[in-house]
Amino acid sequence: MARIALRYQTAQDLFAACASAAEDITAVPTRQSSVDFCRMLLAGPVPEEAISFCAYLLPDRTAIWWGHECLDQLAQLLDGYDLELLALVRQRLGEPARLAPHVFTSWRLARQRSPAGWVALAAGLEEGRGGDLELNPQVMPVGRAVQTGILAGLARVAAADRPEVLTAFAQMGLQLAETSYGGMAF
């Protein structure tokens, strides 16, 4: 079987490269493949850590798209502000040079930490628009902003439905990691 070209081949590789992942994920990284480790997290006592792991595993731009897609599936649970930000993030992914400032400005003006607000923040960070300390990518990595947005969205899902939705989101992230590292053309 051919080895998948992942951003980080093992969980230890990811944790070594992303110090903030160790702050967000309590599971101890292993030498097992990143995909297997993520599946272990999903089946473990804190399955939300699979969302966090995927947010760091995916390349930044792909993680932002994944966050957008997850929240888009929760559109009925989001307010008008979130839906507006999701539309701006979608546009930014399609035409980054022209629309990135609008996404970032919308987030900054609102200062609201809503699910889509976090994904919009990730888009601004990925574009390098986080000039002040609060938005500096060294302080707030794109992966952390994406995971926070997805987990904030999941918190709005009915408790009985949450495990199924969380699993679907994590599986989407894993599928992206397995099939599209370096190949996402946004």
Protein backbone atom coordinates (compact mmCIF):
# COMPACT_ATOMS: atom_id res chain seq x y z
CA MET A 1 0.00 0.00 0.00
CA ALA A 2 1.34 3.44 -0.93
CA ARG A 3 2.16 5.83 1.86
CA ILE A 4 -0.01 8.95 1.94
CA ALA A 5 1.90 12.23 1.67
CA LEU A 6 0.66 14.02 4.77
CA ARG A 7 1.80 17.35 6.12
CA TYR A 8 2.97 15.48 9.25
CA GLN A 9 3.49 11.73 8.91
CA THR A 10 3.15 10.96 12.64
CA ALA A 11 1.44 12.54 15.61
CA GLN A 12 4.87 13.17 17.13
CA ASP A 13 5.88 15.07 13.97
CA LEU A 14 2.82 17.31 14.30
CA PHE A 15 3.35 17.99 18.00
CA ALA A 16 7.05 18.74 17.42
CA ALA A 17 6.21 21.25 14.69
CA CYS A 18 3.17 22.84 16.37
CA ALA A 19 3.77 23.58 20.04
CA SER A 20 0.25 24.96 20.38
CA ALA A 21 -1.17 21.54 19.45
CA ALA A 22 0.20 20.19 22.75
CA GLU A 23 -1.71 22.96 24.54
CA ASP A 24 -4.96 22.08 22.76
CA ILE A 25 -4.72 18.27 22.73
CA THR A 26 -4.19 16.34 25.96
CA ALA A 27 -3.51 12.96 24.35
CA VAL A 28 0.16 11.99 24.27
CA PRO A 29 1.46 11.88 20.69
CA THR A 30 2.77 8.59 19.36
CA ARG A 31 4.82 7.41 16.40
CA GLN A 32 1.70 6.02 14.76
CA SER A 33 0.55 7.68 11.56
CA SER A 34 -1.27 10.97 11.92
CA VAL A 35 -4.39 9.45 10.41
CA ASP A 36 -4.38 6.50 12.82
CA PHE A 37 -3.72 8.80 15.77
CA CYS A 38 -6.64 11.01 14.76
CA ARG A 39 -8.92 7.98 14.49
CA MET A 40 -7.76 6.92 17.95
CA LEU A 41 -8.67 10.38 19.27
CA LEU A 42 -12.10 10.18 17.64
CA ALA A 43 -12.76 6.83 19.33
CA GLY A 44 -11.31 8.00 22.66
CA PRO A 45 -12.76 9.69 25.73
CA VAL A 46 -12.42 13.22 24.27
CA PRO A 47 -13.39 12.91 20.59
CA GLU A 48 -13.30 16.70 20.20
CA GLU A 49 -9.51 16.34 20.18
CA ALA A 50 -9.84 14.74 16.73
CA ILE A 51 -11.20 18.08 15.49
CA SER A 52 -8.26 19.90 17.07
CA PHE A 53 -5.76 17.45 15.60
CA CYS A 54 -7.22 17.77 12.08
CA ALA A 55 -7.11 21.57 12.33
CA TYR A 56 -3.34 21.37 12.86
CA LEU A 57 -2.78 18.46 10.48
CA LEU A 58 -4.29 20.17 7.46
CA PRO A 59 -2.42 22.91 5.59
CA ASP A 60 -3.74 26.29 6.77
CA ARG A 61 -5.75 27.12 3.66
CA THR A 62 -7.30 23.65 3.59
CA ALA A 63 -8.12 23.87 7.31
CA ILE A 64 -9.93 27.17 6.71
CA TRP A 65 -11.95 25.59 3.90
CA TRP A 66 -12.72 22.60 6.16
CA GLY A 67 -13.87 24.95 8.95
CA HIS A 68 -16.08 26.79 6.48
CA GLU A 69 -17.61 23.54 5.21
CA CYS A 70 -18.28 22.24 8.73
CA LEU A 71 -20.02 25.45 9.75
CA ASP A 72 -21.90 25.62 6.47
CA GLN A 73 -23.49 22.30 7.44
CA LEU A 74 -24.69 23.99 10.65
CA ALA A 75 -26.12 27.05 8.87
CA GLN A 76 -29.55 26.61 10.47
CA LEU A 77 -27.90 27.03 13.91
CA LEU A 78 -25.97 30.18 13.01
CA ASP A 79 -27.14 33.78 13.12
CA GLY A 80 -27.01 36.36 10.34
CA TYR A 81 -23.60 37.62 11.41
CA ASP A 82 -22.09 34.13 11.15
CA LEU A 83 -23.73 33.49 7.79
CA GLU A 84 -22.35 36.79 6.50
CA LEU A 85 -18.85 35.87 7.67
CA LEU A 86 -19.12 32.42 6.11
CA ALA A 87 -20.03 34.04 2.79
CA LEU A 88 -17.00 36.33 3.08
CA VAL A 89 -14.72 33.40 3.91
CA ARG A 90 -16.09 31.48 0.91
CA GLN A 91 -15.38 34.49 -1.31
CA ARG A 92 -11.93 34.90 0.20
CA LEU A 93 -11.08 31.29 -0.60
CA GLY A 94 -12.17 31.86 -4.19
CA GLU A 95 -10.52 35.25 -4.69
CA PRO A 96 -8.02 35.78 -1.87
CA ALA A 97 -6.29 38.91 -3.11
CA ARG A 98 -9.47 40.87 -3.68
CA LEU A 99 -11.56 39.90 -0.67
CA ALA A 100 -9.27 39.00 2.22
CA PRO A 101 -9.33 42.53 3.69
CA HIS A 102 -13.14 42.41 3.90
CA VAL A 103 -13.09 39.18 5.88
CA PHE A 104 -10.49 40.50 8.27
CA THR A 105 -12.16 43.90 8.66
CA SER A 106 -15.54 42.28 9.36
CA TRP A 107 -14.03 40.18 12.11
CA ARG A 108 -12.10 43.08 13.64
CA LEU A 109 -15.08 45.43 13.65
CA ALA A 110 -17.40 42.95 15.29
CA ARG A 111 -14.88 41.59 17.82
CA GLN A 112 -17.34 38.76 18.24
CA ARG A 113 -15.99 35.30 18.87
CA SER A 114 -18.70 33.37 17.09
CA PRO A 115 -18.14 30.09 15.21
CA ALA A 116 -17.71 31.78 11.82
CA GLY A 117 -15.84 34.64 13.47
CA TRP A 118 -13.09 32.21 14.41
CA VAL A 119 -12.89 30.82 10.88
CA ALA A 120 -12.78 34.38 9.51
CA LEU A 121 -9.98 35.11 11.98
CA ALA A 122 -8.12 32.06 10.63
CA ALA A 123 -8.52 33.47 7.12
CA GLY A 124 -7.07 36.79 8.25
CA LEU A 125 -4.18 35.07 10.02
CA GLU A 126 -3.43 32.89 7.00
CA GLU A 127 -3.31 35.99 4.86
CA GLY A 128 -0.86 37.59 7.30
CA ARG A 129 -3.20 40.33 8.41
CA GLY A 130 -2.76 39.72 12.14
CA GLY A 131 -0.36 42.57 12.81
CA ASP A 132 -1.16 43.26 16.46
CA LEU A 133 -0.33 40.91 19.30
CA GLU A 134 -3.89 39.66 19.66
CA LEU A 135 -3.97 38.47 16.05
CA ASN A 136 -0.36 37.44 15.62
CA PRO A 137 -0.15 33.94 14.05
CA GLN A 138 2.59 33.11 16.56
CA VAL A 139 0.11 33.73 19.39
CA MET A 140 -3.00 32.42 17.61
CA PRO A 141 -2.14 29.76 15.02
CA VAL A 142 -4.57 29.20 12.16
CA GLY A 143 -5.21 25.66 13.44
CA ARG A 144 -6.33 26.96 16.83
CA ALA A 145 -8.71 29.49 15.27
CA VAL A 146 -10.20 26.83 12.96
CA GLN A 147 -10.67 24.26 15.74
CA THR A 148 -12.26 26.88 17.99
CA GLY A 149 -14.74 27.84 15.27
CA ILE A 150 -15.71 24.24 14.56
CA LEU A 151 -16.01 23.33 18.25
CA ALA A 152 -18.06 26.48 18.93
CA GLY A 153 -20.37 25.43 16.11
CA LEU A 154 -20.62 21.90 17.50
CA ALA A 155 -21.62 23.34 20.87
CA ARG A 156 -24.81 24.60 19.19
CA VAL A 157 -25.78 21.11 18.01
CA ALA A 158 -28.30 19.23 20.16
CA ALA A 159 -26.47 16.97 22.63
CA ALA A 160 -28.10 13.84 21.20
CA ASP A 161 -26.88 14.69 17.67
CA ARG A 162 -23.45 16.04 18.58
CA PRO A 163 -21.45 12.76 18.47
CA GLU A 164 -22.67 11.98 14.96
CA VAL A 165 -21.95 15.48 13.68
CA LEU A 166 -18.54 15.56 15.37
CA THR A 167 -17.66 12.22 13.77
CA ALA A 168 -18.75 13.45 10.34
CA PHE A 169 -16.62 16.60 10.71
CA ALA A 170 -13.56 14.66 11.86
CA GLN A 171 -13.97 12.16 9.03
CA MET A 172 -14.19 15.03 6.55
CA GLY A 173 -10.95 16.44 7.97
CA LEU A 174 -9.27 13.05 7.74
CA GLN A 175 -10.43 12.58 4.17
CA LEU A 176 -8.96 15.97 3.28
CA ALA A 177 -5.70 15.06 4.99
CA GLU A 178 -5.49 11.74 3.15
CA THR A 179 -6.43 12.97 -0.29
CA SER A 180 -5.47 16.57 -0.66
CA TYR A 181 -2.28 17.55 1.13
CA GLY A 182 -0.77 20.18 -1.06
CA GLY A 183 -3.40 19.61 -3.71
CA MET A 184 -6.20 21.92 -2.64
CA ALA A 185 -6.56 24.52 -5.34
CA PHE A 186 -8.29 27.49 -3.78
